[in-house]
Protein backbone atom coordinates (compact mmCIF):
# COMPACT_ATOMS: atom_id res chain seq x y z
CA MET A 1 36.58 -28.25 168.12
CA SER A 2 38.86 -26.28 170.42
CA ALA A 3 40.61 -28.07 173.27
CA GLN A 4 38.68 -26.03 175.82
CA ALA A 5 35.33 -26.81 174.24
CA ALA A 6 36.25 -30.50 174.08
CA GLU A 7 37.29 -30.54 177.74
CA THR A 8 34.24 -28.75 179.10
CA GLY A 9 31.70 -30.19 176.68
CA ARG A 10 30.07 -26.75 176.57
CA GLN A 11 27.75 -27.29 173.68
CA VAL A 12 24.00 -26.83 173.96
CA GLY A 13 21.03 -27.37 171.73
CA VAL A 14 18.08 -25.01 171.44
CA SER A 15 14.42 -25.93 171.08
CA ILE A 16 11.85 -23.34 169.99
CA ASN A 17 8.44 -24.96 170.15
CA GLY A 18 5.26 -23.21 168.96
CA VAL A 19 6.34 -19.78 170.15
CA THR A 20 3.99 -16.82 169.68
CA LYS A 21 4.66 -13.21 170.61
CA VAL A 22 1.90 -10.60 170.75
CA TYR A 23 2.73 -6.98 171.55
CA GLU A 24 -0.07 -5.06 173.26
CA THR A 25 -0.41 -1.54 171.87
CA ARG A 26 -2.79 1.35 172.31
CA GLY A 27 -4.49 0.16 169.15
CA GLU A 28 -4.82 -3.37 167.87
CA PRO A 29 -2.39 -5.95 169.31
CA ILE A 30 0.52 -6.78 166.99
CA THR A 31 1.42 -10.43 166.53
CA ALA A 32 5.14 -10.52 165.75
CA LEU A 33 5.54 -14.32 165.78
CA ALA A 34 2.93 -17.04 165.42
CA GLU A 35 3.50 -20.70 166.26
CA CYS A 36 7.20 -20.47 165.44
CA SER A 37 9.23 -23.67 165.83
CA LEU A 38 12.92 -24.32 165.20
CA ASP A 39 15.59 -26.54 166.71
CA LEU A 40 19.34 -25.91 166.80
CA LYS A 41 21.60 -28.88 167.34
CA PRO A 42 24.56 -28.55 169.71
CA GLY A 43 27.46 -26.89 167.89
CA GLU A 44 25.36 -26.00 164.85
CA PHE A 45 25.45 -22.70 162.96
CA VAL A 46 21.90 -21.78 161.92
CA SER A 47 21.23 -18.73 159.77
CA VAL A 48 17.82 -17.07 159.93
CA VAL A 49 16.74 -15.03 156.93
CA GLY A 50 13.50 -13.19 156.35
CA PRO A 51 11.92 -9.83 155.48
CA SER A 52 12.02 -6.80 157.75
CA GLY A 53 9.47 -6.89 160.56
CA CYS A 54 8.98 -10.66 160.53
CA GLY A 55 9.98 -11.15 164.17
CA LYS A 56 13.56 -12.38 163.77
CA SER A 57 14.95 -9.95 166.35
CA THR A 58 11.98 -10.60 168.63
CA LEU A 59 12.77 -14.31 168.58
CA MET A 60 16.39 -13.61 169.52
CA LEU A 61 15.36 -11.42 172.45
CA MET A 62 13.04 -14.17 173.68
CA LEU A 63 15.85 -16.72 173.36
CA ALA A 64 17.95 -14.54 175.64
CA GLY A 65 15.03 -14.23 178.05
CA LEU A 66 14.99 -10.46 177.67
CA ILE A 67 11.30 -10.43 176.70
CA PRO A 68 8.72 -13.12 177.46
CA SER A 69 6.88 -15.17 174.86
CA SER A 70 3.09 -15.00 174.77
CA SER A 71 2.83 -18.76 174.35
CA GLY A 72 4.97 -21.74 173.44
CA GLU A 73 8.26 -22.85 174.96
CA ILE A 74 11.95 -22.11 174.46
CA THR A 75 14.52 -24.49 175.93
CA ILE A 76 18.30 -24.11 175.96
CA GLY A 77 19.89 -27.43 176.79
CA ASP A 78 17.59 -28.81 179.48
CA THR A 79 16.63 -25.38 180.82
CA PRO A 80 13.33 -23.67 179.91
CA VAL A 81 13.90 -19.97 179.29
CA GLN A 82 11.72 -18.17 181.82
CA GLY A 83 13.80 -15.05 182.43
CA PRO A 84 17.16 -13.54 181.47
CA TYR A 85 19.47 -16.35 180.35
CA THR A 86 23.08 -15.40 181.03
CA ASP A 87 25.11 -18.32 179.67
CA LEU A 88 25.16 -16.95 176.14
CA GLY A 89 26.68 -14.14 174.12
CA ILE A 90 24.78 -11.58 172.05
CA VAL A 91 26.01 -9.41 169.18
CA PHE A 92 23.53 -6.72 168.15
CA GLN A 93 23.12 -4.78 164.92
CA GLU A 94 25.15 -1.92 166.43
CA PRO A 95 28.34 -2.51 168.47
CA VAL A 96 26.90 -0.71 171.55
CA LEU A 97 30.30 0.25 172.94
CA LEU A 98 30.83 2.73 175.76
CA ASP A 99 32.56 5.80 174.33
CA TRP A 100 34.47 6.53 177.53
CA ARG A 101 35.97 3.05 177.86
CA LYS A 102 38.87 1.81 175.80
CA VAL A 103 38.65 -1.35 173.69
CA LEU A 104 39.91 -3.65 176.44
CA GLY A 105 37.60 -2.05 178.99
CA ASN A 106 34.60 -2.49 176.70
CA ILE A 107 35.34 -6.18 176.32
CA LEU A 108 35.93 -6.75 180.03
CA LEU A 109 32.58 -5.11 180.83
CA GLN A 110 31.03 -8.47 179.92
CA VAL A 111 32.41 -10.12 183.06
CA GLU A 112 32.56 -7.06 185.30
CA LEU A 113 28.75 -6.99 185.29
CA ARG A 114 28.52 -10.68 186.21
CA LYS A 115 28.42 -11.75 189.83
CA GLY A 116 31.56 -13.53 191.00
CA MET A 117 33.64 -12.60 187.94
CA LYS A 118 36.58 -10.19 187.91
CA GLY A 119 37.82 -8.36 184.86
CA LYS A 120 41.50 -8.94 185.68
CA ASP A 121 40.95 -12.70 185.51
CA TYR A 122 39.79 -12.39 181.89
CA GLU A 123 42.26 -9.84 180.57
CA GLY A 124 44.44 -12.54 179.01
CA ARG A 125 41.49 -14.08 177.17
CA ALA A 126 40.34 -10.64 176.00
CA ARG A 127 43.77 -10.03 174.47
CA GLU A 128 43.70 -13.46 172.81
CA LEU A 129 40.31 -12.69 171.26
CA LEU A 130 41.52 -9.34 169.98
CA LYS A 131 44.47 -11.07 168.34
CA LEU A 132 42.08 -13.64 166.83
CA VAL A 133 40.03 -10.90 165.12
CA GLY A 134 43.05 -8.90 163.99
CA LEU A 135 42.89 -6.13 166.61
CA GLU A 136 46.06 -6.86 168.53
CA GLY A 137 47.59 -3.55 169.54
CA PHE A 138 44.24 -1.72 169.70
CA GLU A 139 43.54 -2.52 173.36
CA ASP A 140 44.00 1.11 174.46
CA ARG A 141 42.05 2.75 171.65
CA TYR A 142 38.67 4.40 172.19
CA PRO A 143 35.67 3.42 170.03
CA PHE A 144 35.78 6.72 168.08
CA GLU A 145 39.26 5.78 166.89
CA LEU A 146 38.01 2.59 165.22
CA SER A 147 36.23 1.91 161.95
CA GLY A 148 32.73 0.39 161.94
CA GLY A 149 34.09 -3.06 161.20
CA MET A 150 36.66 -2.79 163.98
CA ARG A 151 33.99 -1.75 166.48
CA GLN A 152 31.88 -4.75 165.53
CA ARG A 153 34.89 -7.02 166.01
CA VAL A 154 35.20 -5.63 169.54
CA SER A 155 31.54 -6.45 170.21
CA ILE A 156 32.13 -10.02 169.03
CA CYS A 157 35.09 -10.33 171.41
CA ARG A 158 32.91 -9.03 174.24
CA ALA A 159 30.22 -11.60 173.48
CA LEU A 160 32.77 -14.44 173.47
CA LEU A 161 34.78 -13.36 176.53
CA HIS A 162 33.07 -15.69 179.05
CA ASP A 163 33.19 -18.61 176.58
CA PRO A 164 29.42 -19.10 176.27
CA PRO A 165 28.14 -22.26 174.54
CA LEU A 166 25.48 -20.25 172.66
CA LEU A 167 26.02 -17.16 170.49
CA LEU A 168 23.14 -15.02 169.21
CA MET A 169 23.88 -12.57 166.41
CA ASP A 170 21.26 -10.07 165.24
CA GLU A 171 22.25 -8.70 161.81
CA PRO A 172 25.73 -7.84 163.12
CA PHE A 173 27.19 -6.90 159.72
CA GLY A 174 24.19 -5.20 158.12
CA ALA A 175 25.53 -1.65 158.44
CA LEU A 176 29.00 -2.40 157.07
CA ASP A 177 30.38 -1.92 153.57
CA ALA A 178 30.56 -4.96 151.32
CA LEU A 179 34.32 -5.58 151.61
CA THR A 180 34.33 -5.30 155.42
CA ARG A 181 31.28 -7.54 155.57
CA ASP A 182 33.00 -10.19 153.46
CA GLN A 183 36.04 -10.15 155.73
CA LEU A 184 33.94 -10.41 158.88
CA ASN A 185 32.07 -13.36 157.37
CA LEU A 186 35.44 -15.08 156.95
CA ASP A 187 36.56 -14.09 160.46
CA LEU A 188 33.33 -15.33 162.05
CA GLN A 189 33.56 -18.65 160.20
CA SER A 190 37.14 -19.07 161.45
CA ILE A 191 36.13 -18.35 165.05
CA TRP A 192 33.21 -20.76 164.83
CA LEU A 193 35.31 -23.55 163.32
CA GLN A 194 37.67 -23.30 166.29
CA SER A 195 35.00 -23.24 169.00
CA ARG A 196 31.98 -24.99 167.43
CA LYS A 197 29.58 -22.97 169.54
CA THR A 198 25.89 -23.14 168.79
CA VAL A 199 25.08 -20.02 166.76
CA MET A 200 21.86 -18.36 165.65
CA PHE A 201 22.70 -15.73 163.05
CA VAL A 202 19.98 -13.33 161.86
CA THR A 203 20.48 -11.63 158.51
CA HIS A 204 18.64 -10.08 155.59
CA SER A 205 21.27 -11.34 153.16
CA ILE A 206 20.53 -14.63 151.39
CA SER A 207 24.16 -14.96 150.34
CA GLU A 208 25.46 -14.36 153.87
CA ALA A 209 22.98 -16.84 155.34
CA ILE A 210 24.12 -19.59 152.97
CA PHE A 211 27.83 -18.83 153.28
CA LEU A 212 27.82 -19.07 157.08
CA GLY A 213 25.09 -21.57 157.89
CA ASP A 214 24.92 -25.32 158.35
CA ARG A 215 21.22 -24.73 157.84
CA VAL A 216 19.15 -21.73 156.78
CA ALA A 217 15.74 -21.11 158.36
CA VAL A 218 13.50 -19.04 156.08
CA PHE A 219 10.89 -16.85 157.81
CA SER A 220 7.54 -15.69 156.52
CA PRO A 221 6.35 -12.06 156.75
CA ARG A 222 4.74 -10.97 160.03
CA PRO A 223 3.48 -12.79 161.93
CA GLY A 224 6.73 -14.63 161.45
CA LYS A 225 7.22 -18.36 161.46
CA VAL A 226 9.67 -20.79 159.91
CA VAL A 227 8.31 -21.87 156.53
CA GLU A 228 11.32 -23.82 155.28
CA VAL A 229 14.70 -25.02 156.53
CA LEU A 230 17.48 -25.80 154.06
CA ASP A 231 20.46 -28.00 154.85
CA ILE A 232 23.56 -26.36 153.36
CA ASP A 233 25.84 -29.13 152.10
CA LEU A 234 28.91 -27.11 151.20
CA PRO A 235 32.45 -27.98 152.35
CA ARG A 236 34.19 -26.01 155.10
CA PRO A 237 36.16 -23.90 155.43
CA ARG A 238 34.25 -21.91 152.84
CA HIS A 239 36.00 -19.33 150.70
CA LEU A 240 34.30 -16.33 149.13
CA SER A 241 34.66 -17.91 145.69
CA ILE A 242 32.15 -20.59 146.70
CA ARG A 243 29.42 -17.99 146.16
CA GLU A 244 30.09 -18.25 142.42
CA THR A 245 29.54 -22.01 142.21
CA PRO A 246 26.40 -23.66 140.79
CA GLU A 247 25.79 -25.43 144.13
CA PHE A 248 25.71 -22.11 146.01
CA GLY A 249 23.46 -20.63 143.35
CA LYS A 250 20.95 -23.46 143.73
CA TYR A 251 20.54 -22.72 147.43
CA ALA A 252 20.10 -19.01 146.72
CA SER A 253 17.53 -19.76 144.02
CA GLU A 254 15.58 -22.02 146.37
CA ILE A 255 15.39 -19.34 149.07
CA ARG A 256 14.31 -16.73 146.51
CA ARG A 257 11.68 -19.19 145.28
CA VAL A 258 10.29 -19.44 148.83
CA PHE A 259 10.20 -15.65 149.14
CA SER A 260 8.48 -15.36 145.77
CA SER A 261 5.85 -17.88 146.84
CA LEU A 262 5.20 -15.75 149.93
CA GLY A 263 4.84 -12.57 147.87
CA ILE A 264 8.00 -11.05 149.34
CA LEU A 265 9.78 -10.97 145.97
CA ARG A 266 7.74 -9.90 142.93
CA ASP A 267 10.08 -9.86 139.97
CA GLU A 268 7.30 -9.41 137.47
CA ASP A 269 6.34 -6.07 139.06
CA ALA A 270 9.86 -4.77 138.54
CA VAL A 271 9.88 -5.41 134.78
CA PRO A 272 8.77 -2.29 132.85
CA PRO A 273 6.10 -2.83 130.22
CA ALA A 274 7.23 -3.15 126.62
CA PRO A 275 6.91 0.10 124.65
CA THR A 276 3.91 0.33 122.38
CA ALA A 277 4.08 1.49 118.78
């Protein structure tokens, strides 16, 4: 744990209890989540993996208080989420950077929009975060001058600038090439090991979920709910080579087994019939 985290004790748990989300449409209502429950311990990294459209992103938006739940309760620490919850950081699927602001300006926007905070007071921390993710010297670059992976690193710095105890990440590496994604997995693990923030990390990748998570929550198809939670007992820091070990493979096989039981994976349908004489 970092010295700052130890001094402030800024770790929070999350409780998601029987949460349902129904979207009203011009046709039939769409139930995105149904009786979804999941707890995150303070300082825990929880990966969430599931098929497209199962409500993973909806759950994250409700955690942030950006959309209301239809029923159930979400609590962060001792505070029920009943509106926008600001003491957290969010990293979306796309970096969502402002093209007309340089890298440092994009990061400082996090505090400039918050009442009582001034960007100049956080410039030093912003530079430290950029150095941490390997972007020292890029403070005065514009987003169009950066690669996709570099832009996503900037968005991570922005989310961490105000030192939130809770970090929500919604498929942040899904659009990146495999090599960049591997490196960002390593970078994110390093950042988390230093800060021990509570993290909910949404992904479609079984391998990524296992590599990063203390636990992996497996979601059902829509309406989504947690159908199984796996404790990942692998040593940290984890290196990419751990994905080739039998222990890692067992976790991946178990998650695929769950998906097969839910009809999400149908290996037998992918096998062509044997040729006839």
